[in-house]
């Protein structure tokens, strides 16, 4: 019984079966891309709405005496923390995507061991388990950080959503502020244009703050992926077979000649070269992601352009994209 329990627990440890790595890391890449796109969309909206909204709130506070109970230094900091939280989540989601890609790359590398008729190809992560032992904790760390970010957003964002909309609904909306919103969001607020095919500013404003409508599905999806990963390791990561293959090759490798060792060294060099290109690939996937999200009942289409590819003159922050609506 104890031996069986230990055998089951070992299945959660590296190295991992090649196909299992493809499936699990592929799921993490897909989920991380969606999480990155969602947070980037709301970050872009905040950078385009908050400057004008803050000026409008300040103007209302100077003209309405009771408004300062809602709009003060504390509420301003609360909305700024919301924006910072989106930036942190964006960075963590990018790190999660990068680590998932980095975990897949070594699976394409094969090492030839043995000599003569006994030469066979062995997965590099099985031959060098230290690779998986280094990468698996980093991928786990990325997922824990992402889960922590989602948990913090679930705790704080609903209150921030209510705060912003209460401030916006109670503010005096001068024409200059509405014009700025129309310019930034490329929408219209004129009721006379209601019948034309244009984006309505009210619809964008109603969905401009990240709330539980988006956070809850992401938390559920993250939990499903974690359970799926654990179940996959438990059912398909047969450590006994992996280490048996490793032990057989290890015995044969003791008798291999110098040429075979050089060949193995060339394979490791190939892996390092591939690793270098994977860094560029990870950056390309993370920073060139384009994803469409429907925020206005399926009518307002936001096409994302990644922050680091945008011109820095649009906003003082280095993460300052310009989304097209």
C-alpha atoms as a PDB file:
ATOM      1  CA  UNK A   1       0.000   0.000   0.000  1.00  0.00           C
ATOM      2  CA  UNK A   2       2.779   2.420   0.923  1.00  0.00           C
ATOM      3  CA  UNK A   3       4.688   1.491  -2.232  1.00  0.00           C
ATOM      4  CA  UNK A   4       1.609   2.112  -4.361  1.00  0.00           C
ATOM      5  CA  UNK A   5       1.035   5.505  -2.734  1.00  0.00           C
ATOM      6  CA  UNK A   6       4.647   6.543  -3.293  1.00  0.00           C
ATOM      7  CA  UNK A   7       4.403   5.419  -6.918  1.00  0.00           C
ATOM      8  CA  UNK A   8       1.332   7.599  -7.424  1.00  0.00           C
ATOM      9  CA  UNK A   9       2.958  10.614  -5.799  1.00  0.00           C
ATOM     10  CA  UNK A  10       6.031  10.234  -8.004  1.00  0.00           C
ATOM     11  CA  UNK A  11       3.838  10.789 -11.055  1.00  0.00           C
ATOM     12  CA  UNK A  12       3.465  14.445 -10.105  1.00  0.00           C
ATOM     13  CA  UNK A  13       7.249  14.933 -10.202  1.00  0.00           C
ATOM     14  CA  UNK A  14       9.477  15.477 -13.250  1.00  0.00           C
ATOM     15  CA  UNK A  15      10.397  14.229 -15.761  1.00  0.00           C
ATOM     16  CA  UNK A  16       7.086  14.164 -17.590  1.00  0.00           C
ATOM     17  CA  UNK A  17       5.778  12.237 -20.557  1.00  0.00           C
ATOM     18  CA  UNK A  18       6.287  14.069 -23.833  1.00  0.00           C
ATOM     19  CA  UNK A  19       2.648  14.078 -25.001  1.00  0.00           C
ATOM     20  CA  UNK A  20       1.525  15.116 -21.531  1.00  0.00           C
ATOM     21  CA  UNK A  21       3.796  18.160 -21.705  1.00  0.00           C
ATOM     22  CA  UNK A  22       2.372  19.118 -25.097  1.00  0.00           C
ATOM     23  CA  UNK A  23      -1.227  18.979 -23.863  1.00  0.00           C
ATOM     24  CA  UNK A  24      -0.725  20.680 -20.492  1.00  0.00           C
ATOM     25  CA  UNK A  25       1.567  23.439 -21.746  1.00  0.00           C
ATOM     26  CA  UNK A  26      -0.679  23.996 -24.762  1.00  0.00           C
ATOM     27  CA  UNK A  27      -3.618  24.541 -22.413  1.00  0.00           C
ATOM     28  CA  UNK A  28      -1.541  26.984 -20.357  1.00  0.00           C
ATOM     29  CA  UNK A  29      -0.535  28.915 -23.477  1.00  0.00           C
ATOM     30  CA  UNK A  30      -4.152  29.201 -24.611  1.00  0.00           C
ATOM     31  CA  UNK A  31      -5.404  30.254 -21.193  1.00  0.00           C
ATOM     32  CA  UNK A  32      -2.520  32.665 -20.615  1.00  0.00           C
ATOM     33  CA  UNK A  33      -3.161  34.308 -23.985  1.00  0.00           C
ATOM     34  CA  UNK A  34      -6.823  34.876 -23.142  1.00  0.00           C
ATOM     35  CA  UNK A  35      -5.986  36.231 -19.675  1.00  0.00           C
ATOM     36  CA  UNK A  36      -3.345  38.504 -21.181  1.00  0.00           C
ATOM     37  CA  UNK A  37      -5.777  39.815 -23.793  1.00  0.00           C
ATOM     38  CA  UNK A  38      -8.545  40.490 -21.266  1.00  0.00           C
ATOM     39  CA  UNK A  39      -6.270  42.413 -18.905  1.00  0.00           C
ATOM     40  CA  UNK A  40      -4.690  44.342 -21.732  1.00  0.00           C
ATOM     41  CA  UNK A  41      -8.092  45.362 -23.085  1.00  0.00           C
ATOM     42  CA  UNK A  42      -9.221  46.818 -19.770  1.00  0.00           C
ATOM     43  CA  UNK A  43      -5.802  48.415 -19.223  1.00  0.00           C
ATOM     44  CA  UNK A  44      -6.099  50.159 -22.586  1.00  0.00           C
ATOM     45  CA  UNK A  45      -9.588  51.360 -21.700  1.00  0.00           C
ATOM     46  CA  UNK A  46      -8.370  52.719 -18.371  1.00  0.00           C
ATOM     47  CA  UNK A  47      -5.514  54.644 -19.983  1.00  0.00           C
ATOM     48  CA  UNK A  48      -7.941  56.277 -22.394  1.00  0.00           C
ATOM     49  CA  UNK A  49     -10.769  56.955 -19.952  1.00  0.00           C
ATOM     50  CA  UNK A  50      -9.145  57.778 -16.611  1.00  0.00           C
ATOM     51  CA  UNK A  51      -7.277  61.012 -17.526  1.00  0.00           C
ATOM     52  CA  UNK A  52     -10.422  62.716 -18.827  1.00  0.00           C
ATOM     53  CA  UNK A  53     -12.617  61.124 -16.150  1.00  0.00           C
ATOM     54  CA  UNK A  54     -10.339  62.355 -13.366  1.00  0.00           C
ATOM     55  CA  UNK A  55     -10.472  65.893 -14.752  1.00  0.00           C
ATOM     56  CA  UNK A  56     -14.250  65.639 -14.934  1.00  0.00           C
ATOM     57  CA  UNK A  57     -14.419  64.394 -11.341  1.00  0.00           C
ATOM     58  CA  UNK A  58     -12.179  67.263 -10.175  1.00  0.00           C
ATOM     59  CA  UNK A  59     -14.375  69.777 -11.992  1.00  0.00           C
ATOM     60  CA  UNK A  60     -17.515  68.321 -10.412  1.00  0.00           C
ATOM     61  CA  UNK A  61     -15.956  68.393  -6.941  1.00  0.00           C
ATOM     62  CA  UNK A  62     -15.211  72.106  -7.322  1.00  0.00           C
ATOM     63  CA  UNK A  63     -18.825  72.803  -8.304  1.00  0.00           C
ATOM     64  CA  UNK A  64     -20.778  70.359  -6.124  1.00  0.00           C
ATOM     65  CA  UNK A  65     -20.120  70.463  -2.394  1.00  0.00           C
ATOM     66  CA  UNK A  66     -21.186  66.917  -1.500  1.00  0.00           C
ATOM     67  CA  UNK A  67     -19.225  65.333  -4.351  1.00  0.00           C
ATOM     68  CA  UNK A  68     -15.944  65.442  -2.406  1.00  0.00           C
ATOM     69  CA  UNK A  69     -17.244  62.674  -0.145  1.00  0.00           C
ATOM     70  CA  UNK A  70     -17.019  60.315  -3.127  1.00  0.00           C
ATOM     71  CA  UNK A  71     -14.112  61.813  -5.074  1.00  0.00           C
ATOM     72  CA  UNK A  72     -11.057  62.393  -2.902  1.00  0.00           C
ATOM     73  CA  UNK A  73      -7.450  61.291  -2.650  1.00  0.00           C
ATOM     74  CA  UNK A  74      -8.435  57.847  -1.349  1.00  0.00           C
ATOM     75  CA  UNK A  75     -10.807  57.074  -4.213  1.00  0.00           C
ATOM     76  CA  UNK A  76      -8.272  58.346  -6.737  1.00  0.00           C
ATOM     77  CA  UNK A  77      -5.617  56.026  -5.323  1.00  0.00           C
ATOM     78  CA  UNK A  78      -8.088  53.149  -5.423  1.00  0.00           C
ATOM     79  CA  UNK A  79      -8.625  53.594  -9.157  1.00  0.00           C
ATOM     80  CA  UNK A  80      -4.883  53.983  -9.745  1.00  0.00           C
ATOM     81  CA  UNK A  81      -4.256  50.730  -7.866  1.00  0.00           C
ATOM     82  CA  UNK A  82      -6.812  49.087 -10.141  1.00  0.00           C
ATOM     83  CA  UNK A  83      -4.776  50.177 -13.149  1.00  0.00           C
ATOM     84  CA  UNK A  84      -1.534  48.955 -11.563  1.00  0.00           C
ATOM     85  CA  UNK A  85      -3.179  45.629 -10.781  1.00  0.00           C
ATOM     86  CA  UNK A  86      -4.054  45.180 -14.451  1.00  0.00           C
ATOM     87  CA  UNK A  87      -0.438  45.849 -15.419  1.00  0.00           C
ATOM     88  CA  UNK A  88       0.863  43.262 -12.938  1.00  0.00           C
ATOM     89  CA  UNK A  89      -1.621  40.676 -14.189  1.00  0.00           C
ATOM     90  CA  UNK A  90      -0.554  41.388 -17.772  1.00  0.00           C
ATOM     91  CA  UNK A  91       3.096  40.800 -16.881  1.00  0.00           C
ATOM     92  CA  UNK A  92       2.296  37.594 -14.965  1.00  0.00           C
ATOM     93  CA  UNK A  93       0.189  36.253 -17.852  1.00  0.00           C
ATOM     94  CA  UNK A  94       3.063  36.970 -20.232  1.00  0.00           C
ATOM     95  CA  UNK A  95       5.454  35.121 -17.909  1.00  0.00           C
ATOM     96  CA  UNK A  96       3.047  32.170 -17.799  1.00  0.00           C
ATOM     97  CA  UNK A  97       2.923  31.990 -21.607  1.00  0.00           C
ATOM     98  CA  UNK A  98       6.695  32.254 -21.869  1.00  0.00           C
ATOM     99  CA  UNK A  99       7.309  29.469 -19.339  1.00  0.00           C
ATOM    100  CA  UNK A 100       4.796  27.176 -21.048  1.00  0.00           C
ATOM    101  CA  UNK A 101       6.567  27.699 -24.378  1.00  0.00           C
ATOM    102  CA  UNK A 102       9.939  27.165 -22.734  1.00  0.00           C
ATOM    103  CA  UNK A 103       8.755  23.861 -21.245  1.00  0.00           C
ATOM    104  CA  UNK A 104       7.671  22.588 -24.663  1.00  0.00           C
ATOM    105  CA  UNK A 105      10.889  23.431 -26.509  1.00  0.00           C
ATOM    106  CA  UNK A 106      13.109  20.672 -24.987  1.00  0.00           C
ATOM    107  CA  UNK A 107      10.558  18.037 -25.994  1.00  0.00           C
ATOM    108  CA  UNK A 108      11.630  18.514 -29.602  1.00  0.00           C
ATOM    109  CA  UNK A 109      15.260  17.710 -28.763  1.00  0.00           C
ATOM    110  CA  UNK A 110      16.438  14.119 -29.054  1.00  0.00           C
ATOM    111  CA  UNK A 111      19.733  12.691 -27.822  1.00  0.00           C
ATOM    112  CA  UNK A 112      21.221   9.611 -29.504  1.00  0.00           C
ATOM    113  CA  UNK A 113      22.837   7.207 -27.046  1.00  0.00           C
ATOM    114  CA  UNK A 114      24.447   3.833 -27.504  1.00  0.00           C
ATOM    115  CA  UNK A 115      26.515   2.617 -30.425  1.00  0.00           C
ATOM    116  CA  UNK A 116      26.137   0.414 -33.448  1.00  0.00           C
ATOM    117  CA  UNK A 117      22.821  -1.387 -33.648  1.00  0.00           C
ATOM    118  CA  UNK A 118      22.010  -0.364 -30.104  1.00  0.00           C
ATOM    119  CA  UNK A 119      21.763   3.365 -30.867  1.00  0.00           C
ATOM    120  CA  UNK A 120      18.428   4.832 -29.810  1.00  0.00           C
ATOM    121  CA  UNK A 121      16.930   8.273 -29.459  1.00  0.00           C
ATOM    122  CA  UNK A 122      16.025   9.534 -26.036  1.00  0.00           C
ATOM    123  CA  UNK A 123      14.091  12.633 -25.065  1.00  0.00           C
ATOM    124  CA  UNK A 124      16.476  15.283 -23.735  1.00  0.00           C
ATOM    125  CA  UNK A 125      14.313  15.931 -20.657  1.00  0.00           C
ATOM    126  CA  UNK A 126      14.439  12.222 -19.781  1.00  0.00           C
ATOM    127  CA  UNK A 127      18.172  12.024 -20.353  1.00  0.00           C
ATOM    128  CA  UNK A 128      18.719  15.247 -18.425  1.00  0.00           C
ATOM    129  CA  UNK A 129      15.956  15.330 -15.757  1.00  0.00           C
ATOM    130  CA  UNK A 130      17.457  18.496 -14.288  1.00  0.00           C
ATOM    131  CA  UNK A 131      15.874  20.454 -17.175  1.00  0.00           C
ATOM    132  CA  UNK A 132      12.362  19.488 -16.116  1.00  0.00           C
ATOM    133  CA  UNK A 133      13.273  19.942 -12.456  1.00  0.00           C
ATOM    134  CA  UNK A 134      14.184  23.554 -13.196  1.00  0.00           C
ATOM    135  CA  UNK A 135      11.338  24.435 -15.553  1.00  0.00           C
ATOM    136  CA  UNK A 136       8.430  22.722 -13.783  1.00  0.00           C
ATOM    137  CA  UNK A 137       8.761  24.824 -10.584  1.00  0.00           C
ATOM    138  CA  UNK A 138       8.942  28.001 -12.672  1.00  0.00           C
ATOM    139  CA  UNK A 139       5.763  27.071 -14.535  1.00  0.00           C
ATOM    140  CA  UNK A 140       4.126  26.246 -11.210  1.00  0.00           C
ATOM    141  CA  UNK A 141       5.272  29.613  -9.832  1.00  0.00           C
ATOM    142  CA  UNK A 142       3.787  31.411 -12.838  1.00  0.00           C
ATOM    143  CA  UNK A 143       0.443  29.701 -12.282  1.00  0.00           C
ATOM    144  CA  UNK A 144       0.454  30.478  -8.574  1.00  0.00           C
ATOM    145  CA  UNK A 145       1.189  34.140  -9.297  1.00  0.00           C
ATOM    146  CA  UNK A 146      -1.573  34.263 -11.889  1.00  0.00           C
ATOM    147  CA  UNK A 147      -3.998  32.642  -9.452  1.00  0.00           C
ATOM    148  CA  UNK A 148      -3.012  35.213  -6.815  1.00  0.00           C
ATOM    149  CA  UNK A 149      -3.623  38.053  -9.289  1.00  0.00           C
ATOM    150  CA  UNK A 150      -7.050  36.686 -10.193  1.00  0.00           C
ATOM    151  CA  UNK A 151      -7.915  36.260  -6.525  1.00  0.00           C
ATOM    152  CA  UNK A 152      -6.905  39.839  -5.746  1.00  0.00           C
ATOM    153  CA  UNK A 153      -8.951  41.104  -8.681  1.00  0.00           C
ATOM    154  CA  UNK A 154     -11.986  39.110  -7.566  1.00  0.00           C
ATOM    155  CA  UNK A 155     -11.670  40.726  -4.154  1.00  0.00           C
ATOM    156  CA  UNK A 156     -11.051  44.342  -5.187  1.00  0.00           C
ATOM    157  CA  UNK A 157     -12.367  44.895  -8.732  1.00  0.00           C
ATOM    158  CA  UNK A 158     -16.134  44.742  -8.006  1.00  0.00           C
ATOM    159  CA  UNK A 159     -15.770  47.588  -5.490  1.00  0.00           C
ATOM    160  CA  UNK A 160     -13.634  49.561  -7.947  1.00  0.00           C
ATOM    161  CA  UNK A 161     -16.221  48.982 -10.652  1.00  0.00           C
ATOM    162  CA  UNK A 162     -18.983  50.340  -8.417  1.00  0.00           C
ATOM    163  CA  UNK A 163     -16.808  53.290  -7.349  1.00  0.00           C
ATOM    164  CA  UNK A 164     -16.028  54.396 -10.886  1.00  0.00           C
ATOM    165  CA  UNK A 165     -19.604  54.160 -12.115  1.00  0.00           C
ATOM    166  CA  UNK A 166     -20.986  55.970  -9.078  1.00  0.00           C
ATOM    167  CA  UNK A 167     -18.473  58.769  -9.672  1.00  0.00           C
ATOM    168  CA  UNK A 168     -19.181  58.863 -13.395  1.00  0.00           C
ATOM    169  CA  UNK A 169     -22.961  58.854 -12.988  1.00  0.00           C
ATOM    170  CA  UNK A 170     -22.829  61.690 -10.446  1.00  0.00           C
ATOM    171  CA  UNK A 171     -20.355  63.851 -12.373  1.00  0.00           C
ATOM    172  CA  UNK A 172     -21.277  66.945 -14.364  1.00  0.00           C
ATOM    173  CA  UNK A 173     -20.573  66.004 -17.965  1.00  0.00           C
ATOM    174  CA  UNK A 174     -19.429  69.148 -19.705  1.00  0.00           C
ATOM    175  CA  UNK A 175     -19.214  69.140 -23.476  1.00  0.00           C
ATOM    176  CA  UNK A 176     -15.409  69.341 -23.438  1.00  0.00           C
ATOM    177  CA  UNK A 177     -15.163  66.104 -21.467  1.00  0.00           C
ATOM    178  CA  UNK A 178     -17.641  64.298 -23.708  1.00  0.00           C
ATOM    179  CA  UNK A 179     -15.667  65.443 -26.733  1.00  0.00           C
ATOM    180  CA  UNK A 180     -12.479  64.030 -25.228  1.00  0.00           C
ATOM    181  CA  UNK A 181     -14.190  60.700 -24.570  1.00  0.00           C
ATOM    182  CA  UNK A 182     -15.455  60.589 -28.145  1.00  0.00           C
ATOM    183  CA  UNK A 183     -11.978  61.324 -29.448  1.00  0.00           C
ATOM    184  CA  UNK A 184     -10.219  58.764 -27.260  1.00  0.00           C
ATOM    185  CA  UNK A 185     -12.758  55.960 -27.654  1.00  0.00           C
ATOM    186  CA  UNK A 186     -13.820  56.775 -31.227  1.00  0.00           C
ATOM    187  CA  UNK A 187     -17.466  56.681 -30.219  1.00  0.00           C
ATOM    188  CA  UNK A 188     -20.410  59.088 -30.144  1.00  0.00           C
ATOM    189  CA  UNK A 189     -22.499  60.349 -27.247  1.00  0.00           C
ATOM    190  CA  UNK A 190     -24.942  62.399 -29.312  1.00  0.00           C
ATOM    191  CA  UNK A 191     -28.432  60.919 -29.092  1.00  0.00           C
ATOM    192  CA  UNK A 192     -29.255  62.333 -32.528  1.00  0.00           C
ATOM    193  CA  UNK A 193     -26.868  59.778 -34.044  1.00  0.00           C
ATOM    194  CA  UNK A 194     -28.498  56.883 -32.268  1.00  0.00           C
ATOM    195  CA  UNK A 195     -29.746  55.299 -35.459  1.00  0.00           C
ATOM    196  CA  UNK A 196     -26.401  55.343 -37.267  1.00  0.00           C
ATOM    197  CA  UNK A 197     -23.883  52.539 -37.333  1.00  0.00           C
ATOM    198  CA  UNK A 198     -21.499  53.931 -34.721  1.00  0.00           C
ATOM    199  CA  UNK A 199     -20.121  52.881 -31.354  1.00  0.00           C
ATOM    200  CA  UNK A 200     -22.024  54.310 -28.405  1.00  0.00           C
ATOM    201  CA  UNK A 201     -19.905  55.815 -25.635  1.00  0.00           C
ATOM    202  CA  UNK A 202     -22.423  54.803 -22.981  1.00  0.00           C
ATOM    203  CA  UNK A 203     -22.040  51.140 -23.890  1.00  0.00           C
ATOM    204  CA  UNK A 204     -18.260  51.327 -23.612  1.00  0.00           C
ATOM    205  CA  UNK A 205     -18.404  53.191 -20.301  1.00  0.00           C
ATOM    206  CA  UNK A 206     -20.742  50.625 -18.785  1.00  0.00           C
ATOM    207  CA  UNK A 207     -18.187  47.887 -19.462  1.00  0.00           C
ATOM    208  CA  UNK A 208     -14.970  49.852 -19.010  1.00  0.00           C
ATOM    209  CA  UNK A 209     -13.926  48.359 -15.636  1.00  0.00           C
ATOM    210  CA  UNK A 210     -12.934  44.740 -15.087  1.00  0.00           C
ATOM    211  CA  UNK A 211     -15.504  43.026 -12.880  1.00  0.00           C
ATOM    212  CA  UNK A 212     -16.746  39.588 -11.866  1.00  0.00           C
ATOM    213  CA  UNK A 213     -18.337  39.113 -15.282  1.00  0.00           C
ATOM    214  CA  UNK A 214     -14.846  38.472 -16.648  1.00  0.00           C
ATOM    215  CA  UNK A 215     -12.981  37.418 -13.515  1.00  0.00           C
ATOM    216  CA  UNK A 216     -15.254  34.530 -12.498  1.00  0.00           C
ATOM    217  CA  UNK A 217     -14.926  32.640 -15.824  1.00  0.00           C
ATOM    218  CA  UNK A 218     -11.148  33.107 -15.740  1.00  0.00           C
ATOM    219  CA  UNK A 219     -10.941  31.733 -12.190  1.00  0.00           C
ATOM    220  CA  UNK A 220     -13.093  28.733 -13.117  1.00  0.00           C
ATOM    221  CA  UNK A 221     -11.028  28.086 -16.251  1.00  0.00           C
ATOM    222  CA  UNK A 222      -7.803  28.318 -14.243  1.00  0.00           C
ATOM    223  CA  UNK A 223      -9.117  25.812 -11.696  1.00  0.00           C
ATOM    224  CA  UNK A 224     -10.164  23.443 -14.497  1.00  0.00           C
ATOM    225  CA  UNK A 225      -6.689  23.601 -16.055  1.00  0.00           C
ATOM    226  CA  UNK A 226      -5.017  22.899 -12.699  1.00  0.00           C
ATOM    227  CA  UNK A 227      -7.285  19.909 -12.036  1.00  0.00           C
ATOM    228  CA  UNK A 228      -6.765  18.697 -15.601  1.00  0.00           C
ATOM    229  CA  UNK A 229      -2.975  18.960 -15.186  1.00  0.00           C
ATOM    230  CA  UNK A 230      -3.000  17.006 -11.916  1.00  0.00           C
ATOM    231  CA  UNK A 231      -5.312  14.359 -13.360  1.00  0.00           C
ATOM    232  CA  UNK A 232      -3.133  14.055 -16.465  1.00  0.00           C
ATOM    233  CA  UNK A 233       0.011  13.532 -14.395  1.00  0.00           C
ATOM    234  CA  UNK A 234      -1.736  10.981 -12.202  1.00  0.00           C
ATOM    235  CA  UNK A 235      -3.055   8.931 -15.115  1.00  0.00           C
ATOM    236  CA  UNK A 236      -0.402   9.265 -17.817  1.00  0.00           C
ATOM    237  CA  UNK A 237       2.943  10.170 -16.237  1.00  0.00           C
ATOM    238  CA  UNK A 238       4.275   6.669 -15.570  1.00  0.00           C
ATOM    239  CA  UNK A 239       7.497   7.350 -13.719  1.00  0.00           C
ATOM    240  CA  UNK A 240       8.440   3.659 -13.508  1.00  0.00           C
ATOM    241  CA  UNK A 241       8.582   3.353 -17.286  1.00  0.00           C
ATOM    242  CA  UNK A 242      10.422   6.634 -17.690  1.00  0.00           C
ATOM    243  CA  UNK A 243      13.134   5.789 -15.160  1.00  0.00           C
ATOM    244  CA  UNK A 244      13.426   2.240 -16.514  1.00  0.00           C
ATOM    245  CA  UNK A 245      14.179   3.688 -19.926  1.00  0.00           C
ATOM    246  CA  UNK A 246      16.631   6.121 -18.353  1.00  0.00           C
ATOM    247  CA  UNK A 247      18.432   3.347 -16.420  1.00  0.00           C
ATOM    248  CA  UNK A 248      18.763   1.146 -19.513  1.00  0.00           C
ATOM    249  CA  UNK A 249      20.249   3.985 -21.509  1.00  0.00           C
ATOM    250  CA  UNK A 250      22.513   4.977 -18.626  1.00  0.00           C
ATOM    251  CA  UNK A 251      24.067   1.499 -18.588  1.00  0.00           C
ATOM    252  CA  UNK A 252      24.612   1.554 -22.337  1.00  0.00           C
ATOM    253  CA  UNK A 253      26.092   5.025 -22.212  1.00  0.00           C
ATOM    254  CA  UNK A 254      28.924   3.851 -19.974  1.00  0.00           C
ATOM    255  CA  UNK A 255      30.280   1.829 -22.920  1.00  0.00           C
ATOM    256  CA  UNK A 256      29.802   4.350 -25.699  1.00  0.00           C
ATOM    257  CA  UNK A 257      32.850   5.731 -27.554  1.00  0.00           C
ATOM    258  CA  UNK A 258      34.122   9.277 -27.826  1.00  0.00           C
ATOM    259  CA  UNK A 259      32.308   9.940 -31.098  1.00  0.00           C
ATOM    260  CA  UNK A 260      28.959   9.201 -29.508  1.00  0.00           C
ATOM    261  CA  UNK A 261      29.779  11.595 -26.676  1.00  0.00           C
ATOM    262  CA  UNK A 262      30.638  14.309 -29.164  1.00  0.00           C
ATOM    263  CA  UNK A 263      27.384  13.654 -30.950  1.00  0.00           C
ATOM    264  CA  UNK A 264      25.496  14.045 -27.702  1.00  0.00           C
ATOM    265  CA  UNK A 265      27.334  17.283 -27.077  1.00  0.00           C
ATOM    266  CA  UNK A 266      26.223  18.517 -30.480  1.00  0.00           C
ATOM    267  CA  UNK A 267      22.637  17.696 -29.576  1.00  0.00           C
ATOM    268  CA  UNK A 268      22.926  19.713 -26.379  1.00  0.00           C
ATOM    269  CA  UNK A 269      24.376  22.591 -28.389  1.00  0.00           C
ATOM    270  CA  UNK A 270      21.392  22.296 -30.715  1.00  0.00           C
ATOM    271  CA  UNK A 271      19.086  22.509 -27.699  1.00  0.00           C
ATOM    272  CA  UNK A 272      20.799  25.675 -26.472  1.00  0.00           C
ATOM    273  CA  UNK A 273      20.458  27.187 -29.926  1.00  0.00           C
ATOM    274  CA  UNK A 274      16.806  26.215 -30.005  1.00  0.00           C
ATOM    275  CA  UNK A 275      16.372  27.667 -26.538  1.00  0.00           C
ATOM    276  CA  UNK A 276      17.728  30.968 -27.764  1.00  0.00           C
ATOM    277  CA  UNK A 277      15.188  31.060 -30.579  1.00  0.00           C
ATOM    278  CA  UNK A 278      12.433  30.062 -28.163  1.00  0.00           C
ATOM    279  CA  UNK A 279      13.037  33.272 -26.226  1.00  0.00           C
ATOM    280  CA  UNK A 280      12.393  35.249 -29.388  1.00  0.00           C
ATOM    281  CA  UNK A 281       9.352  33.073 -30.101  1.00  0.00           C
ATOM    282  CA  UNK A 282       7.991  33.616 -26.611  1.00  0.00           C
ATOM    283  CA  UNK A 283       8.379  37.354 -26.955  1.00  0.00           C
ATOM    284  CA  UNK A 284       6.691  37.287 -30.344  1.00  0.00           C
ATOM    285  CA  UNK A 285       3.722  35.298 -29.087  1.00  0.00           C
ATOM    286  CA  UNK A 286       3.351  37.397 -25.937  1.00  0.00           C
ATOM    287  CA  UNK A 287       3.834  40.825 -27.487  1.00  0.00           C
ATOM    288  CA  UNK A 288       2.214  40.307 -30.899  1.00  0.00           C
ATOM    289  CA  UNK A 289      -0.993  38.732 -29.626  1.00  0.00           C
ATOM    290  CA  UNK A 290      -4.070  40.081 -31.405  1.00  0.00           C
ATOM    291  CA  UNK A 291      -7.392  38.988 -29.946  1.00  0.00           C
ATOM    292  CA  UNK A 292     -10.932  40.260 -30.444  1.00  0.00           C
ATOM    293  CA  UNK A 293     -13.169  40.796 -27.431  1.00  0.00           C
ATOM    294  CA  UNK A 294     -16.798  41.826 -27.474  1.00  0.00           C
ATOM    295  CA  UNK A 295     -17.520  44.177 -24.585  1.00  0.00           C
ATOM    296  CA  UNK A 296     -20.794  45.767 -25.636  1.00  0.00           C
ATOM    297  CA  UNK A 297     -23.221  42.846 -25.945  1.00  0.00           C
ATOM    298  CA  UNK A 298     -21.274  41.547 -28.896  1.00  0.00           C
ATOM    299  CA  UNK A 299     -21.375  44.855 -30.779  1.00  0.00           C
ATOM    300  CA  UNK A 300     -18.325  46.787 -29.633  1.00  0.00           C
ATOM    301  CA  UNK A 301     -15.306  45.050 -31.130  1.00  0.00           C
ATOM    302  CA  UNK A 302     -11.935  45.845 -29.596  1.00  0.00           C
ATOM    303  CA  UNK A 303      -8.905  44.699 -31.560  1.00  0.00           C
ATOM    304  CA  UNK A 304      -5.854  44.481 -29.342  1.00  0.00           C
ATOM    305  CA  UNK A 305      -2.400  45.705 -30.187  1.00  0.00           C
ATOM    306  CA  UNK A 306       0.228  44.803 -27.658  1.00  0.00           C
ATOM    307  CA  UNK A 307       1.715  47.432 -25.331  1.00  0.00           C
ATOM    308  CA  UNK A 308       5.366  47.121 -26.252  1.00  0.00           C
ATOM    309  CA  UNK A 309       4.671  47.550 -29.969  1.00  0.00           C
ATOM    310  CA  UNK A 310       2.867  50.870 -29.499  1.00  0.00           C
ATOM    311  CA  UNK A 311       4.541  54.253 -29.796  1.00  0.00           C
ATOM    312  CA  UNK A 312       5.558  55.610 -26.419  1.00  0.00           C
ATOM    313  CA  UNK A 313       4.304  59.109 -27.166  1.00  0.00           C
ATOM    314  CA  UNK A 314       0.706  58.038 -26.560  1.00  0.00           C
ATOM    315  CA  UNK A 315       1.125  57.836 -22.758  1.00  0.00           C
ATOM    316  CA  UNK A 316       3.897  58.337 -20.225  1.00  0.00           C
ATOM    317  CA  UNK A 317       3.891  54.656 -19.212  1.00  0.00           C
ATOM    318  CA  UNK A 318       6.103  52.223 -21.162  1.00  0.00           C
ATOM    319  CA  UNK A 319       3.066  49.919 -21.331  1.00  0.00           C
ATOM    320  CA  UNK A 320       1.022  52.395 -23.347  1.00  0.00           C
ATOM    321  CA  UNK A 321      -0.779  50.824 -26.318  1.00  0.00           C
ATOM    322  CA  UNK A 322      -3.388  52.354 -28.553  1.00  0.00           C
ATOM    323  CA  UNK A 323      -6.301  50.010 -29.155  1.00  0.00           C
ATOM    324  CA  UNK A 324      -8.477  50.419 -32.221  1.00  0.00           C
ATOM    325  CA  UNK A 325     -12.230  50.325 -31.628  1.00  0.00           C
END
